[in-house]
C-alpha atoms as a PDB file:
ATOM      1  CA  MET A   1     126.721 166.436  50.885  1.00  0.00           C
ATOM      2  CA  LYS A   2     130.149 165.482  49.632  1.00  0.00           C
ATOM      3  CA  GLN A   3     132.571 163.610  52.321  1.00  0.00           C
ATOM      4  CA  TYR A   4     136.212 164.952  52.598  1.00  0.00           C
ATOM      5  CA  LEU A   5     139.055 163.257  54.339  1.00  0.00           C
ATOM      6  CA  LEU A   6     141.326 165.817  56.802  1.00  0.00           C
ATOM      7  CA  SER A   7     144.540 164.151  57.588  1.00  0.00           C
ATOM      8  CA  VAL A   8     146.608 165.478  60.243  1.00  0.00           C
ATOM      9  CA  TYR A   9     150.511 165.184  59.688  1.00  0.00           C
ATOM     10  CA  HIS A  10     152.341 164.957  63.108  1.00  0.00           C
ATOM     11  CA  PRO A  11     156.110 165.234  63.401  1.00  0.00           C
ATOM     12  CA  ASP A  12     157.865 162.162  64.420  1.00  0.00           C
ATOM     13  CA  GLU A  13     159.677 163.828  67.217  1.00  0.00           C
ATOM     14  CA  GLY A  14     156.082 164.988  68.607  1.00  0.00           C
ATOM     15  CA  LEU A  15     155.259 168.597  69.932  1.00  0.00           C
ATOM     16  CA  ALA A  16     156.348 170.347  72.782  1.00  0.00           C
ATOM     17  CA  PRO A  17     154.295 169.325  75.664  1.00  0.00           C
ATOM     18  CA  GLU A  18     152.664 172.719  76.043  1.00  0.00           C
ATOM     19  CA  ILE A  19     151.584 172.822  72.539  1.00  0.00           C
ATOM     20  CA  GLU A  20     150.287 169.574  72.589  1.00  0.00           C
ATOM     21  CA  GLU A  21     148.167 170.252  75.779  1.00  0.00           C
ATOM     22  CA  LYS A  22     146.718 173.276  73.927  1.00  0.00           C
ATOM     23  CA  ALA A  23     146.120 171.229  70.598  1.00  0.00           C
ATOM     24  CA  VAL A  24     144.203 168.761  72.580  1.00  0.00           C
ATOM     25  CA  ARG A  25     141.686 171.072  74.221  1.00  0.00           C
ATOM     26  CA  ASP A  26     141.554 173.208  70.762  1.00  0.00           C
ATOM     27  CA  VAL A  27     140.824 169.721  68.748  1.00  0.00           C
ATOM     28  CA  ASP A  28     137.968 168.929  71.508  1.00  0.00           C
ATOM     29  CA  ASP A  29     136.573 172.209  70.908  1.00  0.00           C
ATOM     30  CA  LEU A  30     136.618 171.813  67.069  1.00  0.00           C
ATOM     31  CA  ASN A  31     135.050 168.275  67.418  1.00  0.00           C
ATOM     32  CA  GLN A  32     131.823 169.907  69.305  1.00  0.00           C
ATOM     33  CA  GLU A  33     131.517 172.617  66.460  1.00  0.00           C
ATOM     34  CA  MET A  34     132.009 169.862  63.742  1.00  0.00           C
ATOM     35  CA  LYS A  35     128.996 167.930  65.358  1.00  0.00           C
ATOM     36  CA  ALA A  36     127.011 171.008  66.216  1.00  0.00           C
ATOM     37  CA  ALA A  37     127.274 172.073  62.645  1.00  0.00           C
ATOM     38  CA  GLY A  38     126.403 168.398  61.183  1.00  0.00           C
ATOM     39  CA  ALA A  39     129.985 168.267  59.538  1.00  0.00           C
ATOM     40  CA  TRP A  40     131.212 165.423  61.536  1.00  0.00           C
ATOM     41  CA  VAL A  41     131.307 161.842  60.203  1.00  0.00           C
ATOM     42  CA  PHE A  42     133.713 160.236  62.491  1.00  0.00           C
ATOM     43  CA  ALA A  43     137.461 160.962  63.677  1.00  0.00           C
ATOM     44  CA  GLY A  44     140.538 159.212  64.970  1.00  0.00           C
ATOM     45  CA  GLY A  45     143.909 159.446  66.382  1.00  0.00           C
ATOM     46  CA  LEU A  46     146.565 157.039  65.323  1.00  0.00           C
ATOM     47  CA  HIS A  47     149.521 155.512  67.473  1.00  0.00           C
ATOM     48  CA  VAL A  48     153.076 156.736  66.074  1.00  0.00           C
ATOM     49  CA  SER A  49     154.034 155.871  62.707  1.00  0.00           C
ATOM     50  CA  SER A  50     156.638 153.055  64.262  1.00  0.00           C
ATOM     51  CA  THR A  51     153.754 151.036  65.170  1.00  0.00           C
ATOM     52  CA  ALA A  52     152.594 150.671  61.419  1.00  0.00           C
ATOM     53  CA  THR A  53     152.991 147.411  59.626  1.00  0.00           C
ATOM     54  CA  VAL A  54     152.883 147.542  55.633  1.00  0.00           C
ATOM     55  CA  LEU A  55     151.638 144.672  53.586  1.00  0.00           C
ATOM     56  CA  ARG A  56     152.444 144.441  49.918  1.00  0.00           C
ATOM     57  CA  VAL A  57     152.357 142.054  46.955  1.00  0.00           C
ATOM     58  CA  GLU A  58     155.452 140.929  45.359  1.00  0.00           C
ATOM     59  CA  LYS A  59     155.514 137.977  43.179  1.00  0.00           C
ATOM     60  CA  GLY A  60     152.011 136.895  44.091  1.00  0.00           C
ATOM     61  CA  GLU A  61     153.051 136.736  47.823  1.00  0.00           C
ATOM     62  CA  VAL A  62     151.782 139.129  50.518  1.00  0.00           C
ATOM     63  CA  LEU A  63     155.091 140.452  52.327  1.00  0.00           C
ATOM     64  CA  THR A  64     154.753 141.893  55.791  1.00  0.00           C
ATOM     65  CA  THR A  65     157.355 144.263  56.754  1.00  0.00           C
ATOM     66  CA  ASP A  66     157.369 147.099  59.796  1.00  0.00           C
ATOM     67  CA  GLY A  67     156.288 150.544  59.118  1.00  0.00           C
ATOM     68  CA  PRO A  68     155.866 153.274  58.222  1.00  0.00           C
ATOM     69  CA  PHE A  69     154.956 152.788  54.654  1.00  0.00           C
ATOM     70  CA  ALA A  70     156.890 156.021  53.463  1.00  0.00           C
ATOM     71  CA  GLU A  71     160.040 157.469  54.935  1.00  0.00           C
ATOM     72  CA  GLY A  72     159.711 161.042  56.204  1.00  0.00           C
ATOM     73  CA  LYS A  73     159.808 163.328  59.137  1.00  0.00           C
ATOM     74  CA  GLU A  74     155.807 163.505  59.336  1.00  0.00           C
ATOM     75  CA  HIS A  75     153.163 160.897  59.151  1.00  0.00           C
ATOM     76  CA  ILE A  76     149.563 160.860  59.496  1.00  0.00           C
ATOM     77  CA  GLY A  77     148.769 161.000  63.085  1.00  0.00           C
ATOM     78  CA  GLY A  78     145.163 161.194  63.100  1.00  0.00           C
ATOM     79  CA  PHE A  79     142.042 162.264  60.645  1.00  0.00           C
ATOM     80  CA  TRP A  80     138.491 163.442  60.569  1.00  0.00           C
ATOM     81  CA  VAL A  81     136.094 162.347  57.749  1.00  0.00           C
ATOM     82  CA  ILE A  82     133.438 165.285  57.237  1.00  0.00           C
ATOM     83  CA  LYS A  83     130.650 166.276  55.341  1.00  0.00           C
ATOM     84  CA  ALA A  84     130.650 169.517  53.405  1.00  0.00           C
ATOM     85  CA  PRO A  85     128.769 171.095  50.826  1.00  0.00           C
ATOM     86  CA  ASP A  86     131.809 171.787  48.715  1.00  0.00           C
ATOM     87  CA  LEU A  87     135.538 172.188  48.568  1.00  0.00           C
ATOM     88  CA  ASP A  88     135.528 175.597  49.864  1.00  0.00           C
ATOM     89  CA  ALA A  89     133.524 174.596  53.085  1.00  0.00           C
ATOM     90  CA  ALA A  90     135.775 171.646  53.435  1.00  0.00           C
ATOM     91  CA  LEU A  91     138.911 173.955  53.182  1.00  0.00           C
ATOM     92  CA  GLU A  92     137.234 176.018  55.917  1.00  0.00           C
ATOM     93  CA  TRP A  93     137.200 173.318  58.296  1.00  0.00           C
ATOM     94  CA  GLY A  94     140.484 172.192  57.153  1.00  0.00           C
ATOM     95  CA  ARG A  95     141.739 175.815  58.323  1.00  0.00           C
ATOM     96  CA  LYS A  96     140.257 175.296  61.730  1.00  0.00           C
ATOM     97  CA  ALA A  97     141.892 171.968  62.006  1.00  0.00           C
ATOM     98  CA  THR A  98     145.226 173.161  61.340  1.00  0.00           C
ATOM     99  CA  GLN A  99     144.984 175.944  63.779  1.00  0.00           C
ATOM    100  CA  ALA A 100     143.539 173.546  66.590  1.00  0.00           C
ATOM    101  CA  CYS A 101     146.195 170.900  65.938  1.00  0.00           C
ATOM    102  CA  ALA A 102     149.483 173.172  65.148  1.00  0.00           C
ATOM    103  CA  VAL A 103     150.417 170.869  62.367  1.00  0.00           C
ATOM    104  CA  PRO A 104     149.532 170.424  58.683  1.00  0.00           C
ATOM    105  CA  VAL A 105     146.283 169.125  57.476  1.00  0.00           C
ATOM    106  CA  GLU A 106     145.557 167.885  54.318  1.00  0.00           C
ATOM    107  CA  VAL A 107     141.932 167.876  52.750  1.00  0.00           C
ATOM    108  CA  ARG A 108     141.070 165.493  50.112  1.00  0.00           C
ATOM    109  CA  PRO A 109     137.617 164.722  48.670  1.00  0.00           C
ATOM    110  CA  PHE A 110     136.408 160.946  48.688  1.00  0.00           C
ATOM    111  CA  HIS A 111     135.650 159.541  45.019  1.00  0.00           C
ATOM    112  CA  ASP A 112     132.102 158.389  46.183  1.00  0.00           C
ATOM    113  CA  ASP A 113     130.200 161.496  47.164  1.00  0.00           C
ATOM    114  CA  THR A 114     127.284 160.611  49.442  1.00  0.00           C
ATOM    115  CA  GLU A 115     124.074 162.409  49.680  1.00  0.00           C
ATOM    116  CA  ASP A 116     122.327 163.027  52.742  1.00  0.00           C
END
């Protein structure tokens, strides 16, 4: 099966508390559904983007700066790595993920497909 990254984009200002509470419950339910279906590889939530540190090479030197890397109103706040037989199946998990999280989810395939 191919592996896909489901990136969850959170608004920098956060979600309303009642939406956040529901999302936490719904994401827990989705995680269990993914595990039961054999789609789960791993997942994680991230601290807010202001905690990021960016490393880059300039003139042969590695520079370290405070993040985030890109300016924006939304940043990656979490992710799943899943296994799915094809893009359509991965997009179906993405649909469920965006409904559970109440925020945008981007679905992208990995270059190196792994076989079970």
